[in-house]
Structure formats: structure tokens, C-alpha cells
Amino acid sequence: MLSDLKTHTYFTTITLNSTALPLATVSEYHLDLLPDQRLQLDFVLPIAAPQTLTGKRLAVALADPTGSAIPIYKDQNSITLGAYFQQHCQTTIEQKPTFEHGEAAQIVQLQCR
């Protein structure tokens, strides 16, 4: 499953100040079958090279280019940050009021000081 997701860049675009960042291969993940019979895949998506975030805006957009799924974050609590980022960064979820077939329905933004 993860190798198929990799060919689609894990349905994820990460930008730093509007410049796309290359992604590394996912090696840490967990798949659960939820009580309502939906599958939930959680994974850590590493950026290929370290980045300096201070004073910059990191944006994460999830989109299925085939349009067969609409990946979203349930709420703010669905986003996990390490201790440093919890102290120095603010996370917001921008819900897009409309989006086209295969586009991201929301954008997660991380602003660090």
C-alpha cells in the first residue's frame, strides 16, 4: 500500500514559503480498522532534507489526484508536533470553501517564530 502511495507522493504536497519540498520515503506507519469498518492509516512523512522554519510558513495539502478520496484532518488534535514545534510554532487548518475534483479540501499551515 505504501509503495502505491509513494508513486503519488503520499497524496501530499508540502511547501515552505510556497516552494515545494521533496519528500523522503515513509518508514514509520500504522494501519487500523476502525469500529465503523473504515481504515485509518497514520504515517510519518519525512522531508528529504532538514529545513529552517523560523519566520517561514510551512503548508501541507492532502489531495487524491484521482478524486476517489478526500483526505482531511478531523481537527487540530489530529496533527502531532514534536516538543520543539509545540513550543515555537502555531498550527492552523484552512478549510477551503470549495475545491475541484482531486484538489486539497484543506491546507494545514505551520508558522514558526
PDB file of N, CA and C in Angstrom:
ATOM      1  N   MET A   1       0.827  -1.187   0.000  1.00  0.00           N
ATOM      2  CA  MET A   1       0.000   0.000   0.000  1.00  0.00           C
ATOM      3  C   MET A   1       0.874   1.255   0.000  1.00  0.00           C
ATOM      4  N   LEU A   2       1.898   1.270   0.854  1.00  0.00           N
ATOM      5  CA  LEU A   2       2.745   2.459   0.933  1.00  0.00           C
ATOM      6  C   LEU A   2       3.529   2.702  -0.350  1.00  0.00           C
ATOM      7  N   SER A   3       3.925   1.638  -1.040  1.00  0.00           N
ATOM      8  CA  SER A   3       4.646   1.836  -2.296  1.00  0.00           C
ATOM      9  C   SER A   3       3.732   2.475  -3.338  1.00  0.00           C
ATOM     10  N   ASP A   4       2.445   2.104  -3.340  1.00  0.00           N
ATOM     11  CA  ASP A   4       1.489   2.751  -4.241  1.00  0.00           C
ATOM     12  C   ASP A   4       1.307   4.218  -3.875  1.00  0.00           C
ATOM     13  N   LEU A   5       1.227   4.501  -2.576  1.00  0.00           N
ATOM     14  CA  LEU A   5       1.092   5.892  -2.141  1.00  0.00           C
ATOM     15  C   LEU A   5       2.325   6.709  -2.507  1.00  0.00           C
ATOM     16  N   LYS A   6       3.492   6.092  -2.444  1.00  0.00           N
ATOM     17  CA  LYS A   6       4.729   6.807  -2.786  1.00  0.00           C
ATOM     18  C   LYS A   6       4.706   7.289  -4.234  1.00  0.00           C
ATOM     19  N   THR A   7       4.145   6.477  -5.140  1.00  0.00           N
ATOM     20  CA  THR A   7       4.091   6.894  -6.548  1.00  0.00           C
ATOM     21  C   THR A   7       3.217   8.132  -6.729  1.00  0.00           C
ATOM     22  N   HIS A   8       2.362   8.390  -5.760  1.00  0.00           N
ATOM     23  CA  HIS A   8       1.500   9.583  -5.783  1.00  0.00           C
ATOM     24  C   HIS A   8       1.949  10.614  -4.745  1.00  0.00           C
ATOM     25  N   THR A   9       3.216  10.544  -4.354  1.00  0.00           N
ATOM     26  CA  THR A   9       3.809  11.397  -3.306  1.00  0.00           C
ATOM     27  C   THR A   9       2.934  11.429  -2.040  1.00  0.00           C
ATOM     28  N   TYR A  10       2.379  10.267  -1.710  1.00  0.00           N
ATOM     29  CA  TYR A  10       1.567  10.097  -0.496  1.00  0.00           C
ATOM     30  C   TYR A  10       0.372  11.053  -0.455  1.00  0.00           C
ATOM     31  N   PHE A  11      -0.074  11.493  -1.638  1.00  0.00           N
ATOM     32  CA  PHE A  11      -1.193  12.441  -1.764  1.00  0.00           C
ATOM     33  C   PHE A  11      -0.901  13.738  -1.015  1.00  0.00           C
ATOM     34  N   THR A  12       0.372  14.054  -0.844  1.00  0.00           N
ATOM     35  CA  THR A  12       0.771  15.187  -0.008  1.00  0.00           C
ATOM     36  C   THR A  12       1.687  16.145  -0.759  1.00  0.00           C
ATOM     37  N   THR A  13       1.403  17.429  -0.601  1.00  0.00           N
ATOM     38  CA  THR A  13       2.301  18.474  -1.086  1.00  0.00           C
ATOM     39  C   THR A  13       2.697  19.304   0.128  1.00  0.00           C
ATOM     40  N   ILE A  14       3.998  19.458   0.336  1.00  0.00           N
ATOM     41  CA  ILE A  14       4.496  20.291   1.431  1.00  0.00           C
ATOM     42  C   ILE A  14       5.284  21.428   0.809  1.00  0.00           C
ATOM     43  N   THR A  15       4.929  22.653   1.195  1.00  0.00           N
ATOM     44  CA  THR A  15       5.642  23.820   0.693  1.00  0.00           C
ATOM     45  C   THR A  15       6.199  24.634   1.854  1.00  0.00           C
ATOM     46  N   LEU A  16       7.321  25.293   1.592  1.00  0.00           N
ATOM     47  CA  LEU A  16       7.917  26.219   2.550  1.00  0.00           C
ATOM     48  C   LEU A  16       8.000  27.556   1.850  1.00  0.00           C
ATOM     49  N   ASN A  17       7.232  28.529   2.363  1.00  0.00           N
ATOM     50  CA  ASN A  17       7.107  29.828   1.695  1.00  0.00           C
ATOM     51  C   ASN A  17       6.770  29.647   0.224  1.00  0.00           C
ATOM     52  N   SER A  18       5.816  28.779  -0.053  1.00  0.00           N
ATOM     53  CA  SER A  18       5.275  28.500  -1.393  1.00  0.00           C
ATOM     54  C   SER A  18       6.205  27.718  -2.314  1.00  0.00           C
ATOM     55  N   THR A  19       7.355  27.240  -1.824  1.00  0.00           N
ATOM     56  CA  THR A  19       8.260  26.411  -2.616  1.00  0.00           C
ATOM     57  C   THR A  19       8.089  24.957  -2.193  1.00  0.00           C
ATOM     58  N   ALA A  20       7.790  24.076  -3.156  1.00  0.00           N
ATOM     59  CA  ALA A  20       7.581  22.663  -2.850  1.00  0.00           C
ATOM     60  C   ALA A  20       8.851  22.016  -2.317  1.00  0.00           C
ATOM     61  N   LEU A  21       8.687  21.190  -1.280  1.00  0.00           N
ATOM     62  CA  LEU A  21       9.810  20.466  -0.698  1.00  0.00           C
ATOM     63  C   LEU A  21       9.770  19.009  -1.137  1.00  0.00           C
ATOM     64  N   PRO A  22      10.933  18.422  -1.488  1.00  0.00           N
ATOM     65  CA  PRO A  22      10.949  16.996  -1.822  1.00  0.00           C
ATOM     66  C   PRO A  22      10.749  16.152  -0.569  1.00  0.00           C
ATOM     67  N   LEU A  23      10.065  15.029  -0.739  1.00  0.00           N
ATOM     68  CA  LEU A  23       9.736  14.152   0.372  1.00  0.00           C
ATOM     69  C   LEU A  23      10.615  12.905   0.352  1.00  0.00           C
ATOM     70  N   ALA A  24      10.845  12.339   1.526  1.00  0.00           N
ATOM     71  CA  ALA A  24      11.594  11.081   1.648  1.00  0.00           C
ATOM     72  C   ALA A  24      10.577   9.936   1.754  1.00  0.00           C
ATOM     73  N   THR A  25      11.068   8.723   1.816  1.00  0.00           N
ATOM     74  CA  THR A  25      10.215   7.541   1.878  1.00  0.00           C
ATOM     75  C   THR A  25       9.676   7.317   3.292  1.00  0.00           C
ATOM     76  N   VAL A  26       8.398   6.999   3.383  1.00  0.00           N
ATOM     77  CA  VAL A  26       7.766   6.682   4.666  1.00  0.00           C
ATOM     78  C   VAL A  26       8.282   5.337   5.163  1.00  0.00           C
ATOM     79  N   SER A  27       8.715   5.305   6.418  1.00  0.00           N
ATOM     80  CA  SER A  27       9.131   4.034   7.014  1.00  0.00           C
ATOM     81  C   SER A  27       8.404   3.778   8.340  1.00  0.00           C
ATOM     82  N   GLU A  28       7.749   4.788   8.864  1.00  0.00           N
ATOM     83  CA  GLU A  28       7.038   4.684  10.146  1.00  0.00           C
ATOM     84  C   GLU A  28       5.544   4.879   9.886  1.00  0.00           C
ATOM     85  N   TYR A  29       4.751   3.816  10.122  1.00  0.00           N
ATOM     86  CA  TYR A  29       3.320   3.903   9.838  1.00  0.00           C
ATOM     87  C   TYR A  29       2.531   2.921  10.700  1.00  0.00           C
ATOM     88  N   HIS A  30       1.210   3.108  10.728  1.00  0.00           N
ATOM     89  CA  HIS A  30       0.311   2.232  11.478  1.00  0.00           C
ATOM     90  C   HIS A  30      -1.049   2.242  10.772  1.00  0.00           C
ATOM     91  N   LEU A  31      -1.625   1.065  10.566  1.00  0.00           N
ATOM     92  CA  LEU A  31      -2.917   0.922   9.912  1.00  0.00           C
ATOM     93  C   LEU A  31      -3.910   0.322  10.897  1.00  0.00           C
ATOM     94  N   ASP A  32      -5.072   0.974  11.044  1.00  0.00           N
ATOM     95  CA  ASP A  32      -6.111   0.493  11.958  1.00  0.00           C
ATOM     96  C   ASP A  32      -7.425   0.294  11.226  1.00  0.00           C
ATOM     97  N   LEU A  33      -8.187  -0.713  11.650  1.00  0.00           N
ATOM     98  CA  LEU A  33      -9.564  -0.881  11.215  1.00  0.00           C
ATOM     99  C   LEU A  33     -10.434  -0.270  12.304  1.00  0.00           C
ATOM    100  N   LEU A  34     -11.156   0.762  11.952  1.00  0.00           N
ATOM    101  CA  LEU A  34     -11.980   1.483  12.923  1.00  0.00           C
ATOM    102  C   LEU A  34     -13.297   0.745  13.167  1.00  0.00           C
ATOM    103  N   PRO A  35     -13.966   1.036  14.292  1.00  0.00           N
ATOM    104  CA  PRO A  35     -15.226   0.348  14.612  1.00  0.00           C
ATOM    105  C   PRO A  35     -16.284   0.469  13.508  1.00  0.00           C
ATOM    106  N   ASP A  36     -16.251   1.561  12.741  1.00  0.00           N
ATOM    107  CA  ASP A  36     -17.244   1.723  11.665  1.00  0.00           C
ATOM    108  C   ASP A  36     -16.779   1.091  10.349  1.00  0.00           C
ATOM    109  N   GLN A  37     -15.728   0.250  10.436  1.00  0.00           N
ATOM    110  CA  GLN A  37     -15.185  -0.515   9.313  1.00  0.00           C
ATOM    111  C   GLN A  37     -14.389   0.315   8.309  1.00  0.00           C
ATOM    112  N   ARG A  38     -14.026   1.550   8.659  1.00  0.00           N
ATOM    113  CA  ARG A  38     -13.130   2.347   7.821  1.00  0.00           C
ATOM    114  C   ARG A  38     -11.693   2.044   8.227  1.00  0.00           C
ATOM    115  N   LEU A  39     -10.787   2.169   7.260  1.00  0.00           N
ATOM    116  CA  LEU A  39      -9.364   2.028   7.549  1.00  0.00           C
ATOM    117  C   LEU A  39      -8.770   3.397   7.832  1.00  0.00           C
ATOM    118  N   GLN A  40      -7.882   3.448   8.815  1.00  0.00           N
ATOM    119  CA  GLN A  40      -7.165   4.690   9.125  1.00  0.00           C
ATOM    120  C   GLN A  40      -5.677   4.388   9.055  1.00  0.00           C
ATOM    121  N   LEU A  41      -4.986   5.105   8.164  1.00  0.00           N
ATOM    122  CA  LEU A  41      -3.549   4.950   8.005  1.00  0.00           C
ATOM    123  C   LEU A  41      -2.869   6.193   8.566  1.00  0.00           C
ATOM    124  N   ASP A  42      -2.032   5.995   9.559  1.00  0.00           N
ATOM    125  CA  ASP A  42      -1.233   7.072  10.136  1.00  0.00           C
ATOM    126  C   ASP A  42       0.213   6.812   9.754  1.00  0.00           C
ATOM    127  N   PHE A  43       0.906   7.855   9.292  1.00  0.00           N
ATOM    128  CA  PHE A  43       2.311   7.678   8.959  1.00  0.00           C
ATOM    129  C   PHE A  43       3.082   8.969   9.142  1.00  0.00           C
ATOM    130  N   VAL A  44       4.381   8.816   9.319  1.00  0.00           N
ATOM    131  CA  VAL A  44       5.291   9.953   9.424  1.00  0.00           C
ATOM    132  C   VAL A  44       5.882  10.160   8.041  1.00  0.00           C
ATOM    133  N   LEU A  45       5.670  11.343   7.478  1.00  0.00           N
ATOM    134  CA  LEU A  45       6.164  11.663   6.145  1.00  0.00           C
ATOM    135  C   LEU A  45       7.360  12.591   6.278  1.00  0.00           C
ATOM    136  N   PRO A  46       8.574  12.047   6.127  1.00  0.00           N
ATOM    137  CA  PRO A  46       9.761  12.889   6.299  1.00  0.00           C
ATOM    138  C   PRO A  46      10.042  13.759   5.071  1.00  0.00           C
ATOM    139  N   ILE A  47      10.551  14.948   5.337  1.00  0.00           N
ATOM    140  CA  ILE A  47      11.037  15.835   4.278  1.00  0.00           C
ATOM    141  C   ILE A  47      12.453  15.372   3.949  1.00  0.00           C
ATOM    142  N   ALA A  48      12.825  15.415   2.672  1.00  0.00           N
ATOM    143  CA  ALA A  48      14.102  14.852   2.220  1.00  0.00           C
ATOM    144  C   ALA A  48      15.328  15.496   2.875  1.00  0.00           C
ATOM    145  N   ALA A  49      15.260  16.780   3.188  1.00  0.00           N
ATOM    146  CA  ALA A  49      16.410  17.469   3.790  1.00  0.00           C
ATOM    147  C   ALA A  49      15.918  18.394   4.901  1.00  0.00           C
ATOM    148  N   PRO A  50      16.715  18.583   5.950  1.00  0.00           N
ATOM    149  CA  PRO A  50      16.322  19.492   7.041  1.00  0.00           C
ATOM    150  C   PRO A  50      16.062  20.908   6.512  1.00  0.00           C
ATOM    151  N   GLN A  51      15.125  21.581   7.150  1.00  0.00           N
ATOM    152  CA  GLN A  51      14.754  22.943   6.758  1.00  0.00           C
ATOM    153  C   GLN A  51      14.750  23.849   7.979  1.00  0.00           C
ATOM    154  N   THR A  52      15.045  25.114   7.773  1.00  0.00           N
ATOM    155  CA  THR A  52      14.906  26.122   8.815  1.00  0.00           C
ATOM    156  C   THR A  52      13.515  26.716   8.693  1.00  0.00           C
ATOM    157  N   LEU A  53      12.735  26.641   9.773  1.00  0.00           N
ATOM    158  CA  LEU A  53      11.344  27.088   9.722  1.00  0.00           C
ATOM    159  C   LEU A  53      11.117  28.452  10.362  1.00  0.00           C
ATOM    160  N   THR A  54      12.076  28.938  11.135  1.00  0.00           N
ATOM    161  CA  THR A  54      11.884  30.193  11.851  1.00  0.00           C
ATOM    162  C   THR A  54      11.516  31.312  10.886  1.00  0.00           C
ATOM    163  N   GLY A  55      10.375  31.935  11.155  1.00  0.00           N
ATOM    164  CA  GLY A  55       9.914  33.053  10.336  1.00  0.00           C
ATOM    165  C   GLY A  55       9.355  32.643   8.988  1.00  0.00           C
ATOM    166  N   LYS A  56       9.170  31.356   8.775  1.00  0.00           N
ATOM    167  CA  LYS A  56       8.664  30.880   7.494  1.00  0.00           C
ATOM    168  C   LYS A  56       7.323  30.183   7.679  1.00  0.00           C
ATOM    169  N   ARG A  57       6.617  29.979   6.560  1.00  0.00           N
ATOM    170  CA  ARG A  57       5.313  29.319   6.583  1.00  0.00           C
ATOM    171  C   ARG A  57       5.426  27.976   5.873  1.00  0.00           C
ATOM    172  N   LEU A  58       5.146  26.915   6.606  1.00  0.00           N
ATOM    173  CA  LEU A  58       5.116  25.571   6.053  1.00  0.00           C
ATOM    174  C   LEU A  58       3.654  25.213   5.825  1.00  0.00           C
ATOM    175  N   ALA A  59       3.327  24.754   4.637  1.00  0.00           N
ATOM    176  CA  ALA A  59       1.942  24.382   4.325  1.00  0.00           C
ATOM    177  C   ALA A  59       1.903  22.933   3.854  1.00  0.00           C
ATOM    178  N   VAL A  60       0.888  22.214   4.322  1.00  0.00           N
ATOM    179  CA  VAL A  60       0.705  20.806   3.964  1.00  0.00           C
ATOM    180  C   VAL A  60      -0.690  20.659   3.360  1.00  0.00           C
ATOM    181  N   ALA A  61      -0.734  20.141   2.123  1.00  0.00           N
ATOM    182  CA  ALA A  61      -2.009  19.910   1.456  1.00  0.00           C
ATOM    183  C   ALA A  61      -2.118  18.439   1.096  1.00  0.00           C
ATOM    184  N   LEU A  62      -3.253  17.834   1.430  1.00  0.00           N
ATOM    185  CA  LEU A  62      -3.530  16.443   1.097  1.00  0.00           C
ATOM    186  C   LEU A  62      -4.578  16.408  -0.009  1.00  0.00           C
ATOM    187  N   ALA A  63      -4.300  15.667  -1.079  1.00  0.00           N
ATOM    188  CA  ALA A  63      -5.256  15.571  -2.180  1.00  0.00           C
ATOM    189  C   ALA A  63      -5.048  14.268  -2.934  1.00  0.00           C
ATOM    190  N   ASP A  64      -6.143  13.635  -3.288  1.00  0.00           N
ATOM    191  CA  ASP A  64      -6.113  12.438  -4.126  1.00  0.00           C
ATOM    192  C   ASP A  64      -6.356  12.898  -5.561  1.00  0.00           C
ATOM    193  N   PRO A  65      -5.335  12.841  -6.414  1.00  0.00           N
ATOM    194  CA  PRO A  65      -5.497  13.343  -7.777  1.00  0.00           C
ATOM    195  C   PRO A  65      -6.565  12.589  -8.582  1.00  0.00           C
ATOM    196  N   THR A  66      -6.913  11.367  -8.161  1.00  0.00           N
ATOM    197  CA  THR A  66      -7.955  10.622  -8.862  1.00  0.00           C
ATOM    198  C   THR A  66      -9.351  11.089  -8.432  1.00  0.00           C
ATOM    199  N   GLY A  67      -9.413  11.786  -7.297  1.00  0.00           N
ATOM    200  CA  GLY A  67     -10.695  12.266  -6.806  1.00  0.00           C
ATOM    201  C   GLY A  67     -11.535  11.201  -6.133  1.00  0.00           C
ATOM    202  N   SER A  68     -10.987   9.993  -5.922  1.00  0.00           N
ATOM    203  CA  SER A  68     -11.780   8.932  -5.308  1.00  0.00           C
ATOM    204  C   SER A  68     -11.830   9.035  -3.789  1.00  0.00           C
ATOM    205  N   ALA A  69     -10.972   9.878  -3.204  1.00  0.00           N
ATOM    206  CA  ALA A  69     -10.976  10.083  -1.757  1.00  0.00           C
ATOM    207  C   ALA A  69     -10.743  11.563  -1.469  1.00  0.00           C
ATOM    208  N   ILE A  70     -11.214  11.999  -0.324  1.00  0.00           N
ATOM    209  CA  ILE A  70     -10.974  13.373   0.120  1.00  0.00           C
ATOM    210  C   ILE A  70     -10.262  13.270   1.460  1.00  0.00           C
ATOM    211  N   PRO A  71      -8.912  13.240   1.438  1.00  0.00           N
ATOM    212  CA  PRO A  71      -8.176  13.128   2.706  1.00  0.00           C
ATOM    213  C   PRO A  71      -8.254  14.434   3.492  1.00  0.00           C
ATOM    214  N   ILE A  72      -8.609  14.321   4.774  1.00  0.00           N
ATOM    215  CA  ILE A  72      -8.724  15.502   5.627  1.00  0.00           C
ATOM    216  C   ILE A  72      -8.211  15.186   7.024  1.00  0.00           C
ATOM    217  N   TYR A  73      -7.910  16.242   7.748  1.00  0.00           N
ATOM    218  CA  TYR A  73      -7.632  16.135   9.176  1.00  0.00           C
ATOM    219  C   TYR A  73      -8.946  16.359   9.890  1.00  0.00           C
ATOM    220  N   LYS A  74      -9.269  15.493  10.833  1.00  0.00           N
ATOM    221  CA  LYS A  74     -10.530  15.593  11.565  1.00  0.00           C
ATOM    222  C   LYS A  74     -10.626  16.936  12.291  1.00  0.00           C
ATOM    223  N   ASP A  75      -9.541  17.308  12.967  1.00  0.00           N
ATOM    224  CA  ASP A  75      -9.495  18.571  13.690  1.00  0.00           C
ATOM    225  C   ASP A  75      -8.044  18.867  14.059  1.00  0.00           C
ATOM    226  N   GLN A  76      -7.816  19.949  14.769  1.00  0.00           N
ATOM    227  CA  GLN A  76      -6.483  20.383  15.191  1.00  0.00           C
ATOM    228  C   GLN A  76      -5.737  19.280  15.959  1.00  0.00           C
ATOM    229  N   ASN A  77      -6.472  18.489  16.737  1.00  0.00           N
ATOM    230  CA  ASN A  77      -5.855  17.433  17.542  1.00  0.00           C
ATOM    231  C   ASN A  77      -5.334  16.269  16.699  1.00  0.00           C
ATOM    232  N   SER A  78      -5.684  16.232  15.415  1.00  0.00           N
ATOM    233  CA  SER A  78      -5.209  15.173  14.521  1.00  0.00           C
ATOM    234  C   SER A  78      -3.787  15.432  14.034  1.00  0.00           C
ATOM    235  N   ILE A  79      -3.254  16.590  14.351  1.00  0.00           N
ATOM    236  CA  ILE A  79      -1.915  16.970  13.910  1.00  0.00           C
ATOM    237  C   ILE A  79      -0.974  16.864  15.103  1.00  0.00           C
ATOM    238  N   THR A  80       0.059  16.061  14.964  1.00  0.00           N
ATOM    239  CA  THR A  80       1.008  15.845  16.054  1.00  0.00           C
ATOM    240  C   THR A  80       2.326  16.530  15.731  1.00  0.00           C
ATOM    241  N   LEU A  81       2.791  17.355  16.655  1.00  0.00           N
ATOM    242  CA  LEU A  81       4.075  18.043  16.508  1.00  0.00           C
ATOM    243  C   LEU A  81       5.018  17.600  17.611  1.00  0.00           C
ATOM    244  N   GLY A  82       6.309  17.586  17.312  1.00  0.00           N
ATOM    245  CA  GLY A  82       7.315  17.313  18.327  1.00  0.00           C
ATOM    246  C   GLY A  82       7.362  18.440  19.346  1.00  0.00           C
ATOM    247  N   ALA A  83       8.041  18.220  20.472  1.00  0.00           N
ATOM    248  CA  ALA A  83       8.079  19.174  21.585  1.00  0.00           C
ATOM    249  C   ALA A  83       8.567  20.556  21.148  1.00  0.00           C
ATOM    250  N   TYR A  84       9.631  20.618  20.373  1.00  0.00           N
ATOM    251  CA  TYR A  84      10.166  21.913  19.938  1.00  0.00           C
ATOM    252  C   TYR A  84       9.115  22.691  19.150  1.00  0.00           C
ATOM    253  N   PHE A  85       8.459  22.018  18.212  1.00  0.00           N
ATOM    254  CA  PHE A  85       7.479  22.687  17.362  1.00  0.00           C
ATOM    255  C   PHE A  85       6.232  23.076  18.143  1.00  0.00           C
ATOM    256  N   GLN A  86       5.871  22.298  19.156  1.00  0.00           N
ATOM    257  CA  GLN A  86       4.740  22.663  20.005  1.00  0.00           C
ATOM    258  C   GLN A  86       5.007  23.986  20.708  1.00  0.00           C
ATOM    259  N   GLN A  87       6.256  24.222  21.097  1.00  0.00           N
ATOM    260  CA  GLN A  87       6.616  25.439  21.827  1.00  0.00           C
ATOM    261  C   GLN A  87       6.824  26.641  20.908  1.00  0.00           C
ATOM    262  N   HIS A  88       7.280  26.420  19.676  1.00  0.00           N
ATOM    263  CA  HIS A  88       7.696  27.526  18.816  1.00  0.00           C
ATOM    264  C   HIS A  88       6.821  27.764  17.589  1.00  0.00           C
ATOM    265  N   CYS A  89       5.840  26.919  17.366  1.00  0.00           N
ATOM    266  CA  CYS A  89       5.056  27.041  16.137  1.00  0.00           C
ATOM    267  C   CYS A  89       3.557  27.014  16.426  1.00  0.00           C
ATOM    268  N   GLN A  90       2.817  27.666  15.562  1.00  0.00           N
ATOM    269  CA  GLN A  90       1.361  27.665  15.644  1.00  0.00           C
ATOM    270  C   GLN A  90       0.818  26.954  14.410  1.00  0.00           C
ATOM    271  N   THR A  91      -0.139  26.063  14.622  1.00  0.00           N
ATOM    272  CA  THR A  91      -0.730  25.299  13.536  1.00  0.00           C
ATOM    273  C   THR A  91      -2.173  25.743  13.322  1.00  0.00           C
ATOM    274  N   THR A  92      -2.540  25.908  12.057  1.00  0.00           N
ATOM    275  CA  THR A  92      -3.923  26.217  11.714  1.00  0.00           C
ATOM    276  C   THR A  92      -4.350  25.307  10.559  1.00  0.00           C
ATOM    277  N   ILE A  93      -5.642  25.050  10.481  1.00  0.00           N
ATOM    278  CA  ILE A  93      -6.206  24.291   9.363  1.00  0.00           C
ATOM    279  C   ILE A  93      -7.116  25.236   8.589  1.00  0.00           C
ATOM    280  N   GLU A  94      -6.777  25.446   7.333  1.00  0.00           N
ATOM    281  CA  GLU A  94      -7.605  26.282   6.462  1.00  0.00           C
ATOM    282  C   GLU A  94      -8.550  25.369   5.680  1.00  0.00           C
ATOM    283  N   GLN A  95      -9.839  25.475   5.975  1.00  0.00           N
ATOM    284  CA  GLN A  95     -10.846  24.706   5.249  1.00  0.00           C
ATOM    285  C   GLN A  95     -11.181  25.472   3.978  1.00  0.00           C
ATOM    286  N   LYS A  96     -10.963  24.867   2.830  1.00  0.00           N
ATOM    287  CA  LYS A  96     -11.301  25.531   1.578  1.00  0.00           C
ATOM    288  C   LYS A  96     -12.806  25.428   1.362  1.00  0.00           C
ATOM    289  N   PRO A  97     -13.482  26.557   1.124  1.00  0.00           N
ATOM    290  CA  PRO A  97     -14.941  26.516   0.976  1.00  0.00           C
ATOM    291  C   PRO A  97     -15.377  25.699  -0.239  1.00  0.00           C
ATOM    292  N   THR A  98     -14.583  25.713  -1.289  1.00  0.00           N
ATOM    293  CA  THR A  98     -14.850  24.891  -2.472  1.00  0.00           C
ATOM    294  C   THR A  98     -13.526  24.355  -2.986  1.00  0.00           C
ATOM    295  N   PHE A  99     -13.600  23.222  -3.634  1.00  0.00           N
ATOM    296  CA  PHE A  99     -12.404  22.646  -4.234  1.00  0.00           C
ATOM    297  C   PHE A  99     -12.834  21.764  -5.397  1.00  0.00           C
ATOM    298  N   GLU A 100     -11.970  21.698  -6.383  1.00  0.00           N
ATOM    299  CA  GLU A 100     -12.247  20.910  -7.581  1.00  0.00           C
ATOM    300  C   GLU A 100     -11.907  19.438  -7.350  1.00  0.00           C
ATOM    301  N   HIS A 101     -12.393  18.587  -8.217  1.00  0.00           N
ATOM    302  CA  HIS A 101     -12.099  17.154  -8.224  1.00  0.00           C
ATOM    303  C   HIS A 101     -10.583  16.941  -8.165  1.00  0.00           C
ATOM    304  N   GLY A 102     -10.093  16.255  -7.122  1.00  0.00           N
ATOM    305  CA  GLY A 102      -8.672  15.968  -6.996  1.00  0.00           C
ATOM    306  C   GLY A 102      -7.855  17.045  -6.299  1.00  0.00           C
ATOM    307  N   GLU A 103      -8.473  18.150  -5.882  1.00  0.00           N
ATOM    308  CA  GLU A 103      -7.753  19.203  -5.161  1.00  0.00           C
ATOM    309  C   GLU A 103      -7.867  19.002  -3.652  1.00  0.00           C
ATOM    310  N   ALA A 104      -6.969  19.648  -2.916  1.00  0.00           N
ATOM    311  CA  ALA A 104      -6.997  19.578  -1.452  1.00  0.00           C
ATOM    312  C   ALA A 104      -8.231  20.301  -0.915  1.00  0.00           C
ATOM    313  N   ALA A 105      -8.897  19.678   0.075  1.00  0.00           N
ATOM    314  CA  ALA A 105     -10.064  20.273   0.716  1.00  0.00           C
ATOM    315  C   ALA A 105      -9.661  21.212   1.846  1.00  0.00           C
ATOM    316  N   GLN A 106      -8.443  21.058   2.320  1.00  0.00           N
ATOM    317  CA  GLN A 106      -7.936  21.904   3.400  1.00  0.00           C
ATOM    318  C   GLN A 106      -6.413  21.988   3.299  1.00  0.00           C
ATOM    319  N   ILE A 107      -5.881  23.011   3.949  1.00  0.00           N
ATOM    320  CA  ILE A 107      -4.431  23.200   3.987  1.00  0.00           C
ATOM    321  C   ILE A 107      -4.036  23.437   5.436  1.00  0.00           C
ATOM    322  N   VAL A 108      -3.076  22.658   5.894  1.00  0.00           N
ATOM    323  CA  VAL A 108      -2.541  22.830   7.246  1.00  0.00           C
ATOM    324  C   VAL A 108      -1.342  23.772   7.139  1.00  0.00           C
ATOM    325  N   GLN A 109      -1.333  24.804   7.977  1.00  0.00           N
ATOM    326  CA  GLN A 109      -0.246  25.759   7.950  1.00  0.00           C
ATOM    327  C   GLN A 109       0.469  25.774   9.296  1.00  0.00           C
ATOM    328  N   LEU A 110       1.789  25.833   9.227  1.00  0.00           N
ATOM    329  CA  LEU A 110       2.635  25.875  10.407  1.00  0.00           C
ATOM    330  C   LEU A 110       3.470  27.140  10.319  1.00  0.00           C
ATOM    331  N   GLN A 111       3.296  28.024  11.282  1.00  0.00           N
ATOM    332  CA  GLN A 111       4.054  29.278  11.327  1.00  0.00           C
ATOM    333  C   GLN A 111       4.939  29.234  12.578  1.00  0.00           C
ATOM    334  N   CYS A 112       6.260  29.336  12.368  1.00  0.00           N
ATOM    335  CA  CYS A 112       7.190  29.227  13.495  1.00  0.00           C
ATOM    336  C   CYS A 112       7.857  30.568  13.767  1.00  0.00           C
ATOM    337  N   ARG A 113       8.155  30.814  15.050  1.00  0.00           N
ATOM    338  CA  ARG A 113       8.813  32.062  15.436  1.00  0.00           C
ATOM    339  C   ARG A 113      10.230  31.773  15.913  1.00  0.00           C
TER     340      ARG A 113
END
